N, C-alpha and C. Protein backbone atom coordinates (compact mmCIF):
# COMPACT_ATOMS: atom_id res chain seq x y z
N MET A 1 37.19 -15.84 -2.53
CA MET A 1 35.70 -15.81 -3.11
C MET A 1 34.47 -14.66 -2.82
N LEU A 2 34.21 -15.07 -4.47
CA LEU A 2 33.02 -13.68 -4.51
C LEU A 2 32.28 -14.66 -3.85
N ASP A 3 30.84 -13.66 -3.32
CA ASP A 3 29.39 -14.53 -2.59
C ASP A 3 28.56 -13.56 -2.73
N VAL A 4 27.55 -13.93 -3.53
CA VAL A 4 26.63 -14.25 -3.91
C VAL A 4 25.26 -13.66 -3.56
N LYS A 5 25.51 -13.94 -2.11
CA LYS A 5 24.12 -14.07 -0.88
C LYS A 5 23.78 -13.48 -0.74
N PRO A 6 24.94 -12.15 -0.38
CA PRO A 6 24.56 -10.60 -0.05
C PRO A 6 23.37 -9.76 -1.31
N ILE A 7 23.70 -10.32 -2.89
CA ILE A 7 23.27 -9.66 -3.82
C ILE A 7 21.44 -11.41 -3.63
N LEU A 8 21.63 -11.70 -3.11
CA LEU A 8 20.29 -12.50 -3.51
C LEU A 8 19.40 -11.66 -1.83
N ALA A 9 19.71 -11.48 -0.74
CA ALA A 9 19.22 -10.96 0.49
C ALA A 9 18.81 -9.14 -0.66
N ASP A 10 19.80 -8.93 -0.68
CA ASP A 10 18.73 -7.37 -0.77
C ASP A 10 18.12 -7.61 -1.80
N ALA A 11 18.36 -8.56 -3.28
CA ALA A 11 17.12 -8.31 -4.05
C ALA A 11 15.50 -9.05 -3.57
N GLU A 12 16.43 -9.99 -2.33
CA GLU A 12 14.52 -9.90 -1.55
C GLU A 12 13.88 -9.09 -0.70
N ASP A 13 14.73 -8.58 -0.32
CA ASP A 13 14.78 -6.79 0.96
C ASP A 13 13.66 -5.81 0.12
N SER A 14 14.42 -5.68 -1.03
CA SER A 14 13.72 -4.89 -2.17
C SER A 14 12.67 -5.60 -2.65
N MET A 15 12.48 -6.88 -2.70
CA MET A 15 10.86 -7.24 -3.49
C MET A 15 9.83 -6.88 -1.98
N GLU A 16 10.87 -7.39 -1.25
CA GLU A 16 9.75 -7.21 0.20
C GLU A 16 8.82 -6.31 0.27
N ALA A 17 10.14 -4.81 0.03
CA ALA A 17 9.38 -3.61 0.27
C ALA A 17 8.84 -2.96 -0.73
N THR A 18 8.53 -3.99 -2.18
CA THR A 18 7.66 -3.32 -3.10
C THR A 18 6.32 -4.12 -2.45
N LEU A 19 6.51 -5.14 -1.64
CA LEU A 19 4.92 -5.47 -1.01
C LEU A 19 4.71 -4.94 0.07
N LEU A 20 5.05 -4.32 0.96
CA LEU A 20 4.78 -3.50 1.67
C LEU A 20 4.17 -2.07 1.64
N PHE A 21 4.80 -1.81 0.33
CA PHE A 21 4.37 -0.71 -0.77
C PHE A 21 3.09 -1.16 -1.32
N LEU A 22 2.65 -1.49 -2.14
CA LEU A 22 1.92 -2.52 -2.53
C LEU A 22 0.06 -2.07 -1.80
N ASP A 23 1.15 -2.98 -0.04
CA ASP A 23 -0.18 -3.48 0.59
C ASP A 23 -0.22 -1.40 0.90
N GLU A 24 0.47 -1.29 1.68
CA GLU A 24 -0.42 0.63 1.73
C GLU A 24 -1.10 1.02 0.35
N SER A 25 -0.67 0.82 -0.67
CA SER A 25 -1.33 1.86 -1.86
C SER A 25 -2.38 0.93 -1.80
N LEU A 26 -2.88 -0.37 -2.04
CA LEU A 26 -3.57 -1.34 -1.68
C LEU A 26 -5.01 -1.09 -0.65
N ALA A 27 -4.34 -0.02 0.61
CA ALA A 27 -5.05 -0.16 1.43
C ALA A 27 -6.41 1.22 1.64
N HIS A 28 -5.24 1.77 0.77
CA HIS A 28 -5.65 3.26 0.76
C HIS A 28 -7.19 2.93 -0.42
N ILE A 29 -7.43 2.45 -0.60
CA ILE A 29 -8.44 1.96 -2.03
C ILE A 29 -9.35 2.02 -1.76
N ARG A 30 -10.48 3.03 -1.76
CA ARG A 30 -12.14 2.16 -0.64
C ARG A 30 -12.29 1.20 -2.00
N ALA A 31 -13.10 0.39 -0.84
CA ALA A 31 -13.69 -0.82 -1.41
C ALA A 31 -15.27 -0.65 -1.30
N GLY A 32 -15.91 0.41 -0.81
CA GLY A 32 -17.62 0.16 0.13
C GLY A 32 -17.55 0.10 1.53
N LYS A 33 -16.23 -0.11 2.30
CA LYS A 33 -16.44 -0.12 3.22
C LYS A 33 -15.64 0.08 4.44
N ALA A 34 -15.91 0.30 5.36
CA ALA A 34 -15.04 1.43 6.04
C ALA A 34 -13.87 0.80 6.50
N ASN A 35 -12.62 1.53 6.16
CA ASN A 35 -11.03 1.09 6.72
C ASN A 35 -10.38 2.39 6.85
N ILE A 36 -9.96 2.50 8.68
CA ILE A 36 -9.63 3.48 8.50
C ILE A 36 -8.58 4.11 8.68
N ARG A 37 -7.51 2.86 7.71
CA ARG A 37 -6.86 3.32 6.75
C ARG A 37 -6.46 4.72 5.90
N ILE A 38 -7.78 4.29 5.08
CA ILE A 38 -7.74 5.13 4.24
C ILE A 38 -8.22 6.65 5.34
N LEU A 39 -7.62 7.05 6.26
CA LEU A 39 -7.93 8.25 6.43
C LEU A 39 -6.21 8.74 6.75
N ASP A 40 -4.93 7.56 6.22
CA ASP A 40 -3.56 7.67 6.89
C ASP A 40 -3.03 8.35 6.37
N GLY A 41 -3.49 9.50 4.95
CA GLY A 41 -2.75 9.92 4.52
C GLY A 41 -2.96 11.45 4.74
N VAL A 42 -4.53 11.84 5.51
CA VAL A 42 -4.89 13.27 6.10
C VAL A 42 -3.97 13.44 7.15
N LYS A 43 -3.37 14.60 6.87
CA LYS A 43 -3.07 15.51 7.95
C LYS A 43 -3.24 16.60 8.79
N VAL A 44 -3.33 17.22 9.72
CA VAL A 44 -3.74 18.54 10.31
C VAL A 44 -3.11 18.39 11.17
N ASP A 45 -3.67 20.16 11.45
CA ASP A 45 -2.54 21.63 11.61
C ASP A 45 -2.82 21.54 13.34
N TYR A 46 -1.55 20.73 13.45
CA TYR A 46 -1.90 20.44 15.02
C TYR A 46 -0.99 21.83 15.92
N TYR A 47 -1.04 22.84 15.98
CA TYR A 47 -0.18 23.77 16.96
C TYR A 47 1.13 24.04 16.19
N GLY A 48 0.69 24.10 14.85
CA GLY A 48 1.79 24.55 14.22
C GLY A 48 2.57 23.23 13.04
N SER A 49 2.37 22.58 13.56
CA SER A 49 2.74 21.07 12.97
C SER A 49 1.74 20.44 12.45
N HIS A 50 2.48 19.50 11.33
CA HIS A 50 1.29 18.59 10.57
C HIS A 50 1.49 17.19 10.53
N VAL A 51 0.77 16.59 11.30
CA VAL A 51 0.22 14.98 12.13
C VAL A 51 -1.16 14.33 11.34
N PRO A 52 -1.09 13.22 11.57
CA PRO A 52 -1.43 12.59 11.14
C PRO A 52 -2.43 11.90 11.80
N ILE A 53 -4.29 12.21 11.08
CA ILE A 53 -4.91 12.49 12.10
C ILE A 53 -5.33 11.49 13.67
N SER A 54 -4.53 10.08 13.78
CA SER A 54 -4.59 9.01 14.30
C SER A 54 -4.00 9.36 15.44
N ASN A 55 -2.53 10.59 15.37
CA ASN A 55 -2.14 11.14 16.91
C ASN A 55 -2.78 12.36 17.62
N VAL A 56 -3.73 12.31 16.75
CA VAL A 56 -4.33 13.49 17.57
C VAL A 56 -5.98 13.14 18.41
N ALA A 57 -6.44 11.98 17.48
CA ALA A 57 -8.22 11.08 17.72
C ALA A 57 -7.73 10.01 17.82
N THR A 58 -9.23 9.69 17.97
CA THR A 58 -9.47 7.71 17.67
C THR A 58 -9.65 7.59 17.01
N ILE A 59 -9.32 7.03 16.08
CA ILE A 59 -10.22 6.20 14.64
C ILE A 59 -10.91 5.38 14.89
N THR A 60 -11.95 4.80 14.78
CA THR A 60 -12.67 3.74 15.18
C THR A 60 -13.70 3.62 14.02
N THR A 61 -13.79 2.24 13.17
CA THR A 61 -15.39 1.63 12.78
C THR A 61 -16.75 1.21 13.84
N PRO A 62 -17.66 2.29 13.84
CA PRO A 62 -17.87 0.77 14.67
C PRO A 62 -19.41 -0.11 14.33
N ASP A 63 -19.86 0.73 12.28
CA ASP A 63 -20.21 -0.68 12.01
C ASP A 63 -19.07 -0.77 10.23
N ALA A 64 -19.44 -1.48 10.02
CA ALA A 64 -19.47 -1.54 8.00
C ALA A 64 -19.26 -0.54 7.12
N LYS A 65 -20.36 0.80 7.53
CA LYS A 65 -20.85 1.55 6.54
C LYS A 65 -19.90 3.32 7.26
N THR A 66 -19.44 3.24 8.44
CA THR A 66 -18.88 4.28 9.49
C THR A 66 -17.90 4.22 10.11
N ILE A 67 -16.85 5.55 9.54
CA ILE A 67 -15.64 5.43 10.21
C ILE A 67 -15.74 6.79 11.79
N THR A 68 -15.45 6.55 13.22
CA THR A 68 -15.84 7.81 13.22
C THR A 68 -14.17 8.13 13.93
N VAL A 69 -14.52 9.12 14.15
CA VAL A 69 -12.89 10.56 14.33
C VAL A 69 -13.94 10.95 15.30
N GLN A 70 -12.71 10.25 17.04
CA GLN A 70 -13.36 11.09 18.14
C GLN A 70 -11.81 12.06 18.33
N PRO A 71 -11.53 13.49 18.54
CA PRO A 71 -10.75 13.81 18.64
C PRO A 71 -10.19 14.23 20.01
N TRP A 72 -9.37 14.38 20.94
CA TRP A 72 -8.88 13.81 21.89
C TRP A 72 -8.59 15.70 22.81
N GLU A 73 -8.74 16.61 22.03
CA GLU A 73 -9.55 17.84 22.17
C GLU A 73 -10.92 18.29 21.14
N LYS A 74 -10.84 19.12 21.71
CA LYS A 74 -12.66 19.42 21.45
C LYS A 74 -12.65 21.01 19.65
N GLY A 75 -11.74 21.28 20.51
CA GLY A 75 -11.24 22.45 19.80
C GLY A 75 -10.31 22.04 18.23
N LEU A 76 -10.12 20.60 18.41
CA LEU A 76 -9.90 20.72 17.54
C LEU A 76 -11.05 19.57 15.89
N ILE A 77 -11.96 19.70 16.83
CA ILE A 77 -13.04 18.73 15.46
C ILE A 77 -13.44 19.43 14.19
N SER A 78 -13.51 21.43 14.30
CA SER A 78 -13.24 21.70 12.74
C SER A 78 -11.90 21.11 12.56
N VAL A 79 -11.10 21.72 13.21
CA VAL A 79 -9.08 20.96 12.06
C VAL A 79 -9.33 19.79 11.07
N ILE A 80 -10.29 19.33 11.76
CA ILE A 80 -9.80 17.69 11.32
C ILE A 80 -11.14 16.94 10.21
N GLU A 81 -12.00 18.60 10.47
CA GLU A 81 -12.98 18.44 9.51
C GLU A 81 -12.68 19.34 8.36
N LYS A 82 -11.72 20.16 8.20
CA LYS A 82 -11.42 20.42 7.86
C LYS A 82 -10.62 19.97 6.57
N ALA A 83 -9.37 18.91 7.50
CA ALA A 83 -8.28 18.70 6.64
C ALA A 83 -8.91 16.73 5.69
N ILE A 84 -10.22 16.63 6.15
CA ILE A 84 -10.91 15.17 5.74
C ILE A 84 -11.31 15.79 4.62
N LEU A 85 -11.69 17.31 4.66
CA LEU A 85 -12.99 17.74 3.63
C LEU A 85 -11.57 18.26 1.94
N ASN A 86 -10.57 18.88 2.92
CA ASN A 86 -9.45 18.96 2.30
C ASN A 86 -8.57 17.80 1.16
N SER A 87 -9.18 17.06 1.83
CA SER A 87 -7.84 15.85 1.53
C SER A 87 -8.95 14.87 -0.21
N ASP A 88 -8.62 13.78 -0.90
CA ASP A 88 -8.12 13.32 -1.11
C ASP A 88 -9.88 12.17 -0.85
N VAL A 89 -10.13 11.70 0.03
CA VAL A 89 -10.54 10.74 0.32
C VAL A 89 -12.19 10.73 0.08
N GLY A 90 -12.40 11.85 -0.48
CA GLY A 90 -14.04 11.67 -1.22
C GLY A 90 -15.62 11.68 -0.49
N ILE A 91 -15.04 11.87 0.76
CA ILE A 91 -16.48 11.80 1.29
C ILE A 91 -16.01 13.17 2.85
N THR A 92 -18.11 13.29 2.72
CA THR A 92 -18.21 14.81 3.67
C THR A 92 -18.39 14.49 5.26
N PRO A 93 -17.48 14.56 5.84
CA PRO A 93 -17.54 14.45 7.41
C PRO A 93 -18.87 15.02 8.14
N MET A 94 -19.28 14.78 9.24
CA MET A 94 -20.34 15.01 9.48
C MET A 94 -19.78 14.90 11.20
N ASN A 95 -20.25 16.23 11.72
CA ASN A 95 -20.04 16.19 13.11
C ASN A 95 -20.85 16.16 14.14
N ASN A 96 -21.16 15.63 15.30
CA ASN A 96 -22.01 16.76 16.32
C ASN A 96 -21.59 17.48 17.57
N GLY A 97 -20.46 17.31 16.84
CA GLY A 97 -19.91 18.55 18.46
C GLY A 97 -18.99 18.04 18.98
N GLU A 98 -18.72 16.48 19.26
CA GLU A 98 -17.96 16.15 19.79
C GLU A 98 -17.36 14.29 19.59
N VAL A 99 -18.52 14.20 18.27
CA VAL A 99 -17.43 12.91 17.09
C VAL A 99 -18.07 13.69 15.71
N ILE A 100 -16.89 12.95 14.93
CA ILE A 100 -16.56 13.30 13.60
C ILE A 100 -17.33 11.66 13.06
N ARG A 101 -17.97 11.74 12.27
CA ARG A 101 -18.66 10.62 11.56
C ARG A 101 -18.70 10.63 9.85
N LEU A 102 -18.14 9.41 9.28
CA LEU A 102 -17.48 9.58 7.99
C LEU A 102 -18.51 8.42 7.80
N GLY A 103 -19.31 8.62 7.05
CA GLY A 103 -20.18 7.50 6.33
C GLY A 103 -19.96 7.16 4.66
N ILE A 104 -19.78 5.97 4.71
CA ILE A 104 -18.96 4.88 3.56
C ILE A 104 -20.23 5.36 2.61
N PRO A 105 -20.54 5.95 1.49
CA PRO A 105 -21.10 5.62 0.40
C PRO A 105 -21.54 4.38 -0.34
N PRO A 106 -22.20 3.87 -0.53
CA PRO A 106 -22.59 2.20 -1.26
C PRO A 106 -21.61 2.70 -3.13
N LEU A 107 -20.66 2.08 -3.42
CA LEU A 107 -20.79 2.34 -4.79
C LEU A 107 -20.68 2.24 -6.02
N THR A 108 -21.00 1.72 -6.82
CA THR A 108 -21.92 2.24 -8.55
C THR A 108 -20.97 1.34 -9.26
N GLU A 109 -21.68 0.58 -9.92
CA GLU A 109 -20.64 -0.50 -10.74
C GLU A 109 -18.87 -0.22 -11.27
N GLU A 110 -19.99 1.26 -11.87
CA GLU A 110 -18.99 1.98 -12.56
C GLU A 110 -17.88 2.33 -11.82
N ARG A 111 -17.80 3.09 -10.88
CA ARG A 111 -17.12 3.07 -9.60
C ARG A 111 -15.99 2.03 -9.10
N ARG A 112 -16.83 0.83 -9.05
CA ARG A 112 -16.76 -0.40 -8.36
C ARG A 112 -15.06 -1.34 -9.42
N LYS A 113 -15.91 -0.94 -10.87
CA LYS A 113 -14.34 -1.04 -12.00
C LYS A 113 -13.10 -0.25 -12.31
N GLN A 114 -14.07 1.19 -11.63
CA GLN A 114 -12.56 2.32 -11.82
C GLN A 114 -11.84 1.38 -10.77
N LEU A 115 -12.20 0.85 -9.48
CA LEU A 115 -11.42 0.49 -8.24
C LEU A 115 -10.68 0.36 -8.76
N ALA A 116 -10.77 -1.22 -9.63
CA ALA A 116 -10.93 -3.25 -9.62
C ALA A 116 -9.73 -2.15 -10.49
N LYS A 117 -9.40 -1.17 -11.40
CA LYS A 117 -8.60 -1.27 -12.51
C LYS A 117 -7.45 -0.78 -11.88
N GLN A 118 -7.46 1.17 -10.74
CA GLN A 118 -6.77 1.42 -10.02
C GLN A 118 -6.33 0.31 -9.15
N ALA A 119 -6.79 -1.16 -8.90
CA ALA A 119 -6.27 -2.20 -7.88
C ALA A 119 -5.08 -2.46 -8.90
N ARG A 120 -5.57 -2.76 -10.21
CA ARG A 120 -4.07 -3.34 -11.13
C ARG A 120 -3.65 -2.93 -11.51
N HIS A 121 -3.14 -1.22 -11.70
CA HIS A 121 -2.74 -0.59 -12.16
C HIS A 121 -1.69 -0.63 -10.77
N GLU A 122 -1.95 -0.62 -9.74
CA GLU A 122 -1.47 -0.66 -9.22
C GLU A 122 -0.04 -2.13 -8.59
N GLY A 123 -0.83 -3.23 -8.63
CA GLY A 123 0.05 -4.20 -8.96
C GLY A 123 0.92 -5.04 -9.75
N GLU A 124 0.56 -4.13 -11.33
CA GLU A 124 1.42 -4.13 -12.09
C GLU A 124 2.51 -3.14 -11.79
N GLU A 125 2.59 -1.63 -10.94
CA GLU A 125 3.61 -0.77 -10.86
C GLU A 125 4.81 -2.00 -10.13
N ALA A 126 4.51 -2.85 -8.98
CA ALA A 126 4.68 -3.81 -8.54
C ALA A 126 5.19 -4.51 -8.70
N LYS A 127 4.99 -5.20 -10.07
CA LYS A 127 5.82 -6.26 -10.40
C LYS A 127 6.14 -6.15 -11.49
N ILE A 128 6.32 -4.76 -11.54
CA ILE A 128 7.80 -3.47 -13.17
C ILE A 128 8.95 -3.73 -11.37
N SER A 129 8.00 -3.73 -10.37
CA SER A 129 9.61 -2.57 -8.70
C SER A 129 10.79 -5.10 -9.04
N VAL A 130 9.38 -5.40 -8.70
CA VAL A 130 10.38 -6.73 -8.79
C VAL A 130 10.83 -6.97 -9.73
N ARG A 131 10.65 -7.05 -10.37
CA ARG A 131 11.38 -6.87 -12.41
C ARG A 131 12.95 -6.59 -11.90
N ASN A 132 12.44 -5.08 -12.14
CA ASN A 132 13.45 -4.47 -11.59
C ASN A 132 14.75 -4.78 -10.69
N ALA A 133 14.40 -4.99 -9.58
CA ALA A 133 15.14 -6.22 -8.84
C ALA A 133 15.63 -7.49 -9.21
N ARG A 134 14.87 -7.96 -10.21
CA ARG A 134 15.82 -9.42 -10.18
C ARG A 134 16.55 -8.98 -11.83
N ARG A 135 16.80 -7.52 -12.46
CA ARG A 135 17.38 -7.80 -13.43
C ARG A 135 18.76 -7.26 -12.66
N GLU A 136 18.42 -6.40 -12.01
CA GLU A 136 19.79 -5.89 -11.06
C GLU A 136 20.64 -6.92 -10.06
N ALA A 137 20.02 -7.80 -10.08
CA ALA A 137 20.65 -8.90 -8.97
C ALA A 137 21.16 -9.70 -10.47
N ILE A 138 20.63 -9.74 -11.35
CA ILE A 138 21.20 -11.18 -12.77
C ILE A 138 22.28 -9.85 -13.10
N ASP A 139 22.73 -8.31 -13.02
CA ASP A 139 23.21 -7.98 -14.00
C ASP A 139 25.04 -7.84 -12.84
N HIS A 140 24.12 -7.77 -11.75
CA HIS A 140 25.04 -7.73 -10.81
C HIS A 140 26.03 -9.47 -10.66
N PHE A 141 25.47 -10.22 -11.01
CA PHE A 141 25.91 -11.98 -11.64
C PHE A 141 26.77 -11.47 -12.53
N LYS A 142 25.97 -11.70 -13.53
CA LYS A 142 27.05 -11.37 -14.79
C LYS A 142 28.40 -10.41 -14.43
N LYS A 143 28.07 -9.16 -14.27
CA LYS A 143 29.40 -8.12 -13.04
C LYS A 143 30.67 -9.47 -12.20
N MET A 144 30.35 -10.06 -10.91
CA MET A 144 30.68 -11.13 -10.94
C MET A 144 31.50 -11.44 -12.13
N VAL A 145 30.97 -12.48 -13.04
CA VAL A 145 31.82 -13.32 -13.98
C VAL A 145 33.16 -12.67 -14.38
N LYS A 146 32.87 -12.03 -14.67
CA LYS A 146 34.04 -10.91 -14.95
C LYS A 146 35.25 -10.99 -14.11
N GLU A 147 34.46 -10.49 -12.50
CA GLU A 147 36.06 -10.36 -11.54
C GLU A 147 35.81 -12.14 -11.00
N GLY A 148 35.40 -12.95 -11.41
CA GLY A 148 36.20 -14.26 -11.23
C GLY A 148 35.04 -15.50 -10.41
N LEU A 149 33.89 -15.05 -10.55
CA LEU A 149 32.39 -16.12 -10.53
C LEU A 149 32.83 -16.94 -11.48
N PRO A 150 32.23 -18.02 -11.12
CA PRO A 150 32.09 -18.97 -11.46
C PRO A 150 31.49 -19.14 -12.30
N GLU A 151 31.08 -19.83 -13.96
CA GLU A 151 29.54 -19.12 -14.62
C GLU A 151 28.13 -20.54 -13.87
N ASP A 152 28.95 -21.39 -13.69
CA ASP A 152 28.25 -22.19 -12.82
C ASP A 152 27.11 -21.91 -11.61
N VAL A 153 28.18 -21.03 -11.51
CA VAL A 153 27.51 -20.58 -9.66
C VAL A 153 27.05 -19.08 -10.24
N GLU A 154 26.74 -18.50 -11.83
CA GLU A 154 26.20 -17.18 -12.32
C GLU A 154 25.10 -18.44 -12.50
N LYS A 155 25.10 -18.99 -13.31
CA LYS A 155 23.32 -19.77 -13.54
C LYS A 155 22.20 -19.94 -12.67
N ASP A 156 22.98 -20.68 -11.05
CA ASP A 156 22.64 -21.34 -10.68
C ASP A 156 22.61 -19.78 -9.66
N SER A 157 22.40 -18.65 -9.06
CA SER A 157 22.53 -17.96 -8.70
C SER A 157 20.86 -16.73 -9.10
N GLU A 158 20.74 -17.18 -10.60
CA GLU A 158 19.99 -16.35 -11.68
C GLU A 158 18.45 -17.37 -11.26
N ALA A 159 19.23 -18.13 -10.97
CA ALA A 159 17.73 -19.70 -11.35
C ALA A 159 17.21 -19.22 -9.70
N ALA A 160 18.54 -18.91 -8.34
CA ALA A 160 17.47 -18.74 -7.66
C ALA A 160 16.16 -16.82 -7.36
N ILE A 161 17.48 -15.95 -8.10
CA ILE A 161 16.90 -15.26 -8.36
C ILE A 161 15.82 -14.34 -8.65
N GLN A 162 15.24 -16.18 -9.53
CA GLN A 162 14.53 -15.97 -10.49
C GLN A 162 12.77 -16.97 -9.84
N LYS A 163 13.80 -17.69 -8.38
CA LYS A 163 12.12 -18.17 -8.15
C LYS A 163 11.82 -17.58 -6.94
N ILE A 164 12.76 -16.68 -6.15
CA ILE A 164 12.00 -15.56 -5.66
C ILE A 164 11.23 -14.43 -6.18
N HIS A 165 11.95 -13.82 -7.19
CA HIS A 165 11.22 -13.57 -8.24
C HIS A 165 9.68 -13.97 -8.26
N ASP A 166 9.54 -15.28 -8.94
CA ASP A 166 8.21 -15.95 -9.17
C ASP A 166 7.36 -15.80 -8.06
N LYS A 167 7.93 -15.92 -6.54
CA LYS A 167 7.00 -16.20 -4.88
C LYS A 167 6.61 -14.78 -5.51
N TYR A 168 7.27 -13.64 -5.09
CA TYR A 168 6.45 -12.13 -5.20
C TYR A 168 5.68 -11.95 -6.26
N ILE A 169 5.83 -12.16 -7.45
CA ILE A 169 4.91 -12.07 -8.55
C ILE A 169 3.79 -13.10 -8.48
N LYS A 170 3.20 -13.92 -7.65
CA LYS A 170 2.45 -15.09 -6.65
C LYS A 170 1.80 -14.26 -5.65
N LYS A 171 2.38 -13.63 -5.35
CA LYS A 171 2.29 -12.97 -3.95
C LYS A 171 1.03 -11.93 -4.31
N ILE A 172 2.13 -11.10 -5.43
CA ILE A 172 1.62 -9.40 -6.09
C ILE A 172 -0.12 -9.73 -6.24
N ASP A 173 -0.17 -10.75 -7.45
CA ASP A 173 -1.12 -11.49 -7.91
C ASP A 173 -2.27 -11.74 -7.02
N ASP A 174 -2.06 -12.63 -5.85
CA ASP A 174 -3.13 -13.15 -4.93
C ASP A 174 -3.41 -11.41 -4.39
N MET A 175 -2.99 -10.61 -3.27
CA MET A 175 -3.07 -9.28 -3.04
C MET A 175 -4.21 -8.84 -4.34
N ILE A 176 -3.85 -8.48 -5.65
CA ILE A 176 -4.49 -7.89 -5.93
C ILE A 176 -6.01 -9.09 -6.48
N ALA A 177 -6.17 -9.70 -6.11
CA ALA A 177 -7.19 -10.75 -6.94
C ALA A 177 -7.89 -10.35 -5.37
N ALA A 178 -7.82 -10.32 -4.05
CA ALA A 178 -7.81 -10.56 -3.02
C ALA A 178 -9.18 -8.62 -3.26
N LYS A 179 -7.83 -7.76 -3.62
CA LYS A 179 -9.02 -7.05 -3.70
C LYS A 179 -9.81 -6.47 -4.43
N GLU A 180 -9.08 -6.79 -6.12
CA GLU A 180 -10.44 -7.25 -6.69
C GLU A 180 -11.53 -7.67 -6.21
N LYS A 181 -11.63 -8.80 -5.37
CA LYS A 181 -12.62 -9.19 -4.76
C LYS A 181 -13.13 -8.53 -3.50
N GLU A 182 -12.63 -8.26 -3.24
CA GLU A 182 -13.89 -6.82 -1.78
C GLU A 182 -14.00 -5.94 -3.03
N ILE A 183 -13.91 -5.11 -3.99
CA ILE A 183 -14.14 -4.47 -4.42
C ILE A 183 -15.61 -4.44 -5.14
N MET A 184 -15.47 -5.35 -6.12
CA MET A 184 -16.31 -5.75 -6.51
C MET A 184 -17.84 -6.80 -6.06
N THR A 185 -17.84 -7.27 -4.61
CA THR A 185 -17.57 -7.56 -3.51
C THR A 185 -19.54 -6.52 -3.22
N VAL A 186 -20.96 -6.53 -3.21
CA VAL A 186 -21.56 -5.86 -3.20
C VAL A 186 -21.89 -5.45 -1.50
């Protein structure tokens, strides 16, 4: 007997991975508040290898408008500062010889709208990925019918994958709405 459960599980795993990727993408969109995740993509040269800042320093947010980076070795201050300047973070670091401070500037209305648009774009990309996972599962069910899967089982499987699809699309919409609210809040 042909089994559709592994196909449903694979599709749901793919949709879950899309949600995690979207969460990661949204975390890198600066919303006017200090968030240490905006430094996740910044790599520093540490004894010949490129490592994330979090591997060589303590990153904290002492208040809503500041991120502090405290290197574990004093010699890394200039290296970390240069890595932040060369990254796409868009914030100029300041150091006092022991700690690097990143002051998060307030966003202009125009920039807020731009970031909200970027968040919606990320959401659309995630929805496309979820729809592709659904389409691939449905295509697989159609092939299984040719291999002997009863048509009523195929229709039930299509309904099940549609329910999973709808659940993930709603989660994406909720994530985007929350990020837009965060961005637009002054």
